[in-house]
């Protein structure tokens, strides 16, 4: 059973790296989180209106765009699995 789950997770990661990145993520949230991480002002990013503390959970996903997108999808699926059990 664990082998099947591991294979499903591997397929999910492979799928997540090929799905196109959303415009909101690549043009608003990721640049704002990177600004926040470097000590800059996230409000200099166009269309970013959320409070700065909303960026704290997003910092791990901003290291690399493709890796962050894959990590985001995997974490959402993991959350769905935990909620479903």
C-alpha atoms as a PDB file:
ATOM      1  CA  UNK A   1       0.000   0.000   0.000  1.00  0.00           C
ATOM      2  CA  UNK A   2       2.837   2.421   0.836  1.00  0.00           C
ATOM      3  CA  UNK A   3       4.495   1.635  -2.495  1.00  0.00           C
ATOM      4  CA  UNK A   4       1.320   2.649  -4.300  1.00  0.00           C
ATOM      5  CA  UNK A   5       1.118   5.891  -2.328  1.00  0.00           C
ATOM      6  CA  UNK A   6       4.775   6.635  -3.029  1.00  0.00           C
ATOM      7  CA  UNK A   7       4.254   6.044  -6.743  1.00  0.00           C
ATOM      8  CA  UNK A   8       1.190   8.293  -6.711  1.00  0.00           C
ATOM      9  CA  UNK A   9       3.180  11.009  -4.949  1.00  0.00           C
ATOM     10  CA  UNK A  10       5.993  10.686  -7.489  1.00  0.00           C
ATOM     11  CA  UNK A  11       3.520  11.006 -10.356  1.00  0.00           C
ATOM     12  CA  UNK A  12       1.990  14.008  -8.651  1.00  0.00           C
ATOM     13  CA  UNK A  13       5.373  15.730  -8.375  1.00  0.00           C
ATOM     14  CA  UNK A  14       6.091  14.995 -12.034  1.00  0.00           C
ATOM     15  CA  UNK A  15       2.677  16.401 -12.972  1.00  0.00           C
ATOM     16  CA  UNK A  16       3.150  19.458 -10.778  1.00  0.00           C
ATOM     17  CA  UNK A  17       6.367  20.436 -12.515  1.00  0.00           C
ATOM     18  CA  UNK A  18       4.681  20.411 -15.932  1.00  0.00           C
ATOM     19  CA  UNK A  19       1.519  22.354 -15.069  1.00  0.00           C
ATOM     20  CA  UNK A  20       1.776  26.012 -16.072  1.00  0.00           C
ATOM     21  CA  UNK A  21       2.264  28.444 -13.211  1.00  0.00           C
ATOM     22  CA  UNK A  22      -0.672  30.719 -12.456  1.00  0.00           C
ATOM     23  CA  UNK A  23      -0.324  34.412 -13.299  1.00  0.00           C
ATOM     24  CA  UNK A  24      -1.230  35.505  -9.767  1.00  0.00           C
ATOM     25  CA  UNK A  25       1.523  33.370  -8.313  1.00  0.00           C
ATOM     26  CA  UNK A  26       4.289  34.331 -10.733  1.00  0.00           C
ATOM     27  CA  UNK A  27       3.454  38.045 -11.013  1.00  0.00           C
ATOM     28  CA  UNK A  28       2.035  38.962  -7.598  1.00  0.00           C
ATOM     29  CA  UNK A  29       2.534  36.526  -4.720  1.00  0.00           C
ATOM     30  CA  UNK A  30       6.015  35.198  -5.469  1.00  0.00           C
ATOM     31  CA  UNK A  31       7.600  38.629  -6.134  1.00  0.00           C
ATOM     32  CA  UNK A  32       5.899  40.044  -3.031  1.00  0.00           C
ATOM     33  CA  UNK A  33       7.157  37.140  -0.901  1.00  0.00           C
ATOM     34  CA  UNK A  34      10.661  37.595  -2.297  1.00  0.00           C
ATOM     35  CA  UNK A  35      10.515  41.307  -1.488  1.00  0.00           C
ATOM     36  CA  UNK A  36       9.350  40.457   2.031  1.00  0.00           C
ATOM     37  CA  UNK A  37      12.135  37.872   2.424  1.00  0.00           C
ATOM     38  CA  UNK A  38      14.827  40.334   1.328  1.00  0.00           C
ATOM     39  CA  UNK A  39      13.535  43.001   3.716  1.00  0.00           C
ATOM     40  CA  UNK A  40      11.919  45.107   1.014  1.00  0.00           C
ATOM     41  CA  UNK A  41       8.426  46.488   0.734  1.00  0.00           C
ATOM     42  CA  UNK A  42       5.997  43.924  -0.760  1.00  0.00           C
ATOM     43  CA  UNK A  43       3.555  46.715  -1.615  1.00  0.00           C
ATOM     44  CA  UNK A  44       5.830  47.815  -4.467  1.00  0.00           C
ATOM     45  CA  UNK A  45       4.551  44.783  -6.402  1.00  0.00           C
ATOM     46  CA  UNK A  46       1.575  45.650  -8.603  1.00  0.00           C
ATOM     47  CA  UNK A  47      -1.764  44.141  -7.486  1.00  0.00           C
ATOM     48  CA  UNK A  48      -0.493  43.037  -4.061  1.00  0.00           C
ATOM     49  CA  UNK A  49      -2.907  44.279  -1.398  1.00  0.00           C
ATOM     50  CA  UNK A  50      -2.774  41.605   1.310  1.00  0.00           C
ATOM     51  CA  UNK A  51      -1.188  42.221   4.714  1.00  0.00           C
ATOM     52  CA  UNK A  52       2.533  41.425   4.927  1.00  0.00           C
ATOM     53  CA  UNK A  53       2.063  38.592   7.432  1.00  0.00           C
ATOM     54  CA  UNK A  54       0.119  36.689   4.745  1.00  0.00           C
ATOM     55  CA  UNK A  55       3.479  36.150   3.014  1.00  0.00           C
ATOM     56  CA  UNK A  56       5.144  34.288   5.889  1.00  0.00           C
ATOM     57  CA  UNK A  57       3.703  30.847   4.975  1.00  0.00           C
ATOM     58  CA  UNK A  58       4.613  31.420   1.306  1.00  0.00           C
ATOM     59  CA  UNK A  59       8.351  31.981   1.844  1.00  0.00           C
ATOM     60  CA  UNK A  60       9.345  28.278   1.395  1.00  0.00           C
ATOM     61  CA  UNK A  61       7.576  28.228  -1.967  1.00  0.00           C
ATOM     62  CA  UNK A  62       9.577  31.155  -3.379  1.00  0.00           C
ATOM     63  CA  UNK A  63      12.996  29.504  -3.526  1.00  0.00           C
ATOM     64  CA  UNK A  64      12.550  28.323  -7.113  1.00  0.00           C
ATOM     65  CA  UNK A  65       9.490  28.904  -9.273  1.00  0.00           C
ATOM     66  CA  UNK A  66       9.098  25.358 -10.586  1.00  0.00           C
ATOM     67  CA  UNK A  67      10.082  23.685  -7.334  1.00  0.00           C
ATOM     68  CA  UNK A  68       7.835  26.024  -5.359  1.00  0.00           C
ATOM     69  CA  UNK A  69       4.893  25.288  -7.647  1.00  0.00           C
ATOM     70  CA  UNK A  70       5.443  21.545  -7.290  1.00  0.00           C
ATOM     71  CA  UNK A  71       5.786  21.870  -3.521  1.00  0.00           C
ATOM     72  CA  UNK A  72       2.564  23.894  -3.399  1.00  0.00           C
ATOM     73  CA  UNK A  73       0.583  21.237  -5.296  1.00  0.00           C
ATOM     74  CA  UNK A  74       2.056  18.400  -3.237  1.00  0.00           C
ATOM     75  CA  UNK A  75       1.241  20.215   0.014  1.00  0.00           C
ATOM     76  CA  UNK A  76      -2.329  20.854  -1.116  1.00  0.00           C
ATOM     77  CA  UNK A  77      -2.831  17.197  -2.006  1.00  0.00           C
ATOM     78  CA  UNK A  78      -1.281  16.159   1.314  1.00  0.00           C
ATOM     79  CA  UNK A  79      -3.684  18.496   3.096  1.00  0.00           C
ATOM     80  CA  UNK A  80      -6.615  16.946   1.244  1.00  0.00           C
ATOM     81  CA  UNK A  81      -5.433  13.476   2.205  1.00  0.00           C
ATOM     82  CA  UNK A  82      -5.109  14.452   5.873  1.00  0.00           C
ATOM     83  CA  UNK A  83      -8.521  16.091   5.902  1.00  0.00           C
ATOM     84  CA  UNK A  84     -10.066  13.127   4.103  1.00  0.00           C
ATOM     85  CA  UNK A  85      -8.758  10.611   6.638  1.00  0.00           C
END
